[in-house]
Amino acid sequence: MKARIKLIEGMTWLGEADSGHGVIMDASPEVGGRNLGARPMELLLMGLGGCTGIDVKMILEKSRQNLIDCQIEISADRAPEDPKVFTKINVHYIVIGTNLDETKVKRAIDLSAEKYCSVSKMLDKTAEITHSFEIKNL
């Protein structure tokens, strides 16, 4: 796997991945950016959400759960000093479907956190990661 990051101008960067997809990153105006894209640390949280979301959806489908939608809200605290790594992260899942089994939803989340989500396993080296969820059965 490879990525290429190219300076556009100022503090704005284009990140491109092997998959051919790209993302714009920028710094805040306080440090010279123009707020034209996500911050790199925000992308880490989005990567965590995408990674665990894919895992949870796949596990629930294999468990024959009727998942209609899933939203993941992530909140994080950072260290006050440089490097300002994440110290605490909460991943909150809002799982929407019909006849969803709470035990199977919890199991899917636990499996993602403990075994499958590589982003989570990398971030848990510096951050305490907690998980919470709610189920909305339609």
Protein backbone atom coordinates (compact mmCIF):
# COMPACT_ATOMS: atom_id res chain seq x y z
CA MET A 1 0.00 0.00 0.00
CA LYS A 2 1.28 3.43 -0.89
CA ALA A 3 0.11 7.02 -0.66
CA ARG A 4 1.34 10.24 -2.21
CA ILE A 5 0.88 13.63 -0.59
CA LYS A 6 1.41 16.72 -2.75
CA LEU A 7 1.51 20.36 -1.71
CA ILE A 8 -1.12 22.39 -3.55
CA GLU A 9 -0.38 25.79 -2.04
CA GLY A 10 -0.04 27.38 1.37
CA MET A 11 -0.92 24.62 3.85
CA THR A 12 -3.29 22.75 1.49
CA TRP A 13 -2.29 19.23 0.46
CA LEU A 14 -3.69 16.57 -1.87
CA GLY A 15 -3.42 13.01 -0.61
CA GLU A 16 -3.74 10.25 -3.20
CA ALA A 17 -3.92 6.52 -2.51
CA ASP A 18 -3.13 3.43 -4.56
CA SER A 19 -6.86 3.03 -5.09
CA GLY A 20 -6.84 6.21 -7.17
CA HIS A 21 -8.89 8.18 -4.68
CA GLY A 22 -7.81 11.49 -3.24
CA VAL A 23 -8.56 13.79 -0.36
CA ILE A 24 -7.80 17.44 0.32
CA MET A 25 -6.15 18.26 3.64
CA ASP A 26 -5.57 21.71 5.07
CA ALA A 27 -4.51 23.37 8.29
CA SER A 28 -6.58 25.78 10.32
CA PRO A 29 -6.28 29.51 9.59
CA GLU A 30 -4.55 29.92 12.98
CA VAL A 31 -1.48 28.16 11.58
CA GLY A 32 -1.60 29.43 8.02
CA GLY A 33 -4.20 27.20 6.43
CA ARG A 34 -7.32 28.27 4.59
CA ASN A 35 -9.70 25.63 5.95
CA LEU A 36 -10.10 24.03 2.51
CA GLY A 37 -10.06 20.43 3.72
CA ALA A 38 -10.09 18.10 6.67
CA ARG A 39 -7.26 18.15 9.17
CA PRO A 40 -5.01 15.08 9.16
CA MET A 41 -6.11 14.13 12.70
CA GLU A 42 -9.76 14.37 11.62
CA LEU A 43 -8.97 11.95 8.82
CA LEU A 44 -7.62 9.48 11.38
CA LEU A 45 -10.96 9.55 13.19
CA MET A 46 -12.86 9.19 9.92
CA GLY A 47 -10.60 6.27 9.00
CA LEU A 48 -11.38 4.64 12.32
CA GLY A 49 -15.12 5.09 11.72
CA GLY A 50 -14.94 3.72 8.20
CA CYS A 51 -12.82 0.74 9.24
CA THR A 52 -15.02 -0.33 12.13
CA GLY A 53 -18.19 0.46 10.18
CA ILE A 54 -17.20 -1.93 7.40
CA ASP A 55 -16.37 -4.63 9.96
CA VAL A 56 -19.61 -4.23 11.91
CA LYS A 57 -21.77 -4.23 8.76
CA MET A 58 -20.08 -7.36 7.41
CA ILE A 59 -20.36 -9.20 10.75
CA LEU A 60 -24.03 -8.25 11.17
CA GLU A 61 -24.82 -9.38 7.63
CA LYS A 62 -23.12 -12.74 8.29
CA SER A 63 -25.18 -12.96 11.48
CA ARG A 64 -28.33 -12.51 9.39
CA GLN A 65 -29.21 -9.20 11.01
CA ASN A 66 -31.41 -6.86 8.98
CA LEU A 67 -29.25 -3.72 9.07
CA ILE A 68 -30.83 -0.74 7.32
CA ASP A 69 -28.46 2.03 8.38
CA CYS A 70 -25.54 2.66 10.68
CA GLN A 71 -24.12 5.92 11.91
CA ILE A 72 -20.92 6.20 13.90
CA GLU A 73 -20.16 9.23 16.04
CA ILE A 74 -16.60 9.52 17.28
CA SER A 75 -15.36 11.92 19.93
CA ALA A 76 -11.73 12.21 20.97
CA ASP A 77 -9.46 13.99 23.41
CA ARG A 78 -5.91 14.95 22.52
CA ALA A 79 -2.80 15.45 24.62
CA PRO A 80 -2.23 19.13 25.48
CA GLU A 81 1.45 19.04 24.48
CA ASP A 82 3.13 18.19 21.18
CA PRO A 83 2.81 15.66 19.76
CA LYS A 84 -0.89 16.07 20.41
CA VAL A 85 -1.82 12.42 20.06
CA PHE A 86 -5.28 11.12 20.81
CA THR A 87 -5.52 10.04 24.45
CA LYS A 88 -9.20 9.04 24.64
CA ILE A 89 -11.58 8.05 21.87
CA ASN A 90 -15.23 7.03 22.12
CA VAL A 91 -16.85 5.29 19.18
CA HIS A 92 -20.64 5.44 19.40
CA TYR A 93 -22.67 3.33 16.97
CA ILE A 94 -26.28 4.05 16.08
CA VAL A 95 -27.45 0.81 14.50
CA ILE A 96 -30.77 0.93 12.66
CA GLY A 97 -32.67 -2.07 11.37
CA THR A 98 -35.51 -4.48 11.97
CA ASN A 99 -35.44 -7.11 14.70
CA LEU A 100 -31.80 -6.38 15.54
CA ASP A 101 -30.45 -8.61 18.30
CA GLU A 102 -28.56 -6.58 20.94
CA THR A 103 -26.21 -9.49 21.69
CA LYS A 104 -25.24 -9.80 18.02
CA VAL A 105 -24.72 -6.05 17.65
CA LYS A 106 -22.47 -5.98 20.71
CA ARG A 107 -20.56 -9.01 19.44
CA ALA A 108 -20.00 -7.36 16.05
CA ILE A 109 -18.66 -4.20 17.71
CA ASP A 110 -16.43 -6.20 20.06
CA LEU A 111 -15.02 -8.30 17.20
CA SER A 112 -14.23 -5.19 15.20
CA ALA A 113 -12.51 -3.55 18.17
CA GLU A 114 -10.59 -6.59 19.36
CA LYS A 115 -9.76 -8.44 16.17
CA TYR A 116 -10.54 -6.88 12.80
CA CYS A 117 -10.22 -3.08 12.75
CA SER A 118 -6.58 -2.33 11.99
CA VAL A 119 -7.08 1.41 12.50
CA SER A 120 -8.43 0.79 15.99
CA LYS A 121 -5.54 -1.52 16.84
CA MET A 122 -3.05 1.16 15.75
CA LEU A 123 -4.76 3.97 17.66
CA ASP A 124 -5.13 1.96 20.86
CA LYS A 125 -1.36 2.17 21.32
CA THR A 126 -1.76 5.80 22.47
CA ALA A 127 -5.47 6.20 23.20
CA GLU A 128 -7.98 4.56 25.47
CA ILE A 129 -10.76 3.56 23.08
CA THR A 130 -14.27 2.96 24.39
CA HIS A 131 -17.35 1.83 22.50
CA SER A 132 -21.03 2.48 23.02
CA PHE A 133 -24.07 1.77 20.91
CA GLU A 134 -27.78 2.21 20.57
CA ILE A 135 -30.18 0.18 18.52
CA LYS A 136 -33.14 1.62 16.68
CA ASN A 137 -35.48 -1.14 15.60
CA LEU A 138 -37.97 -0.02 13.00
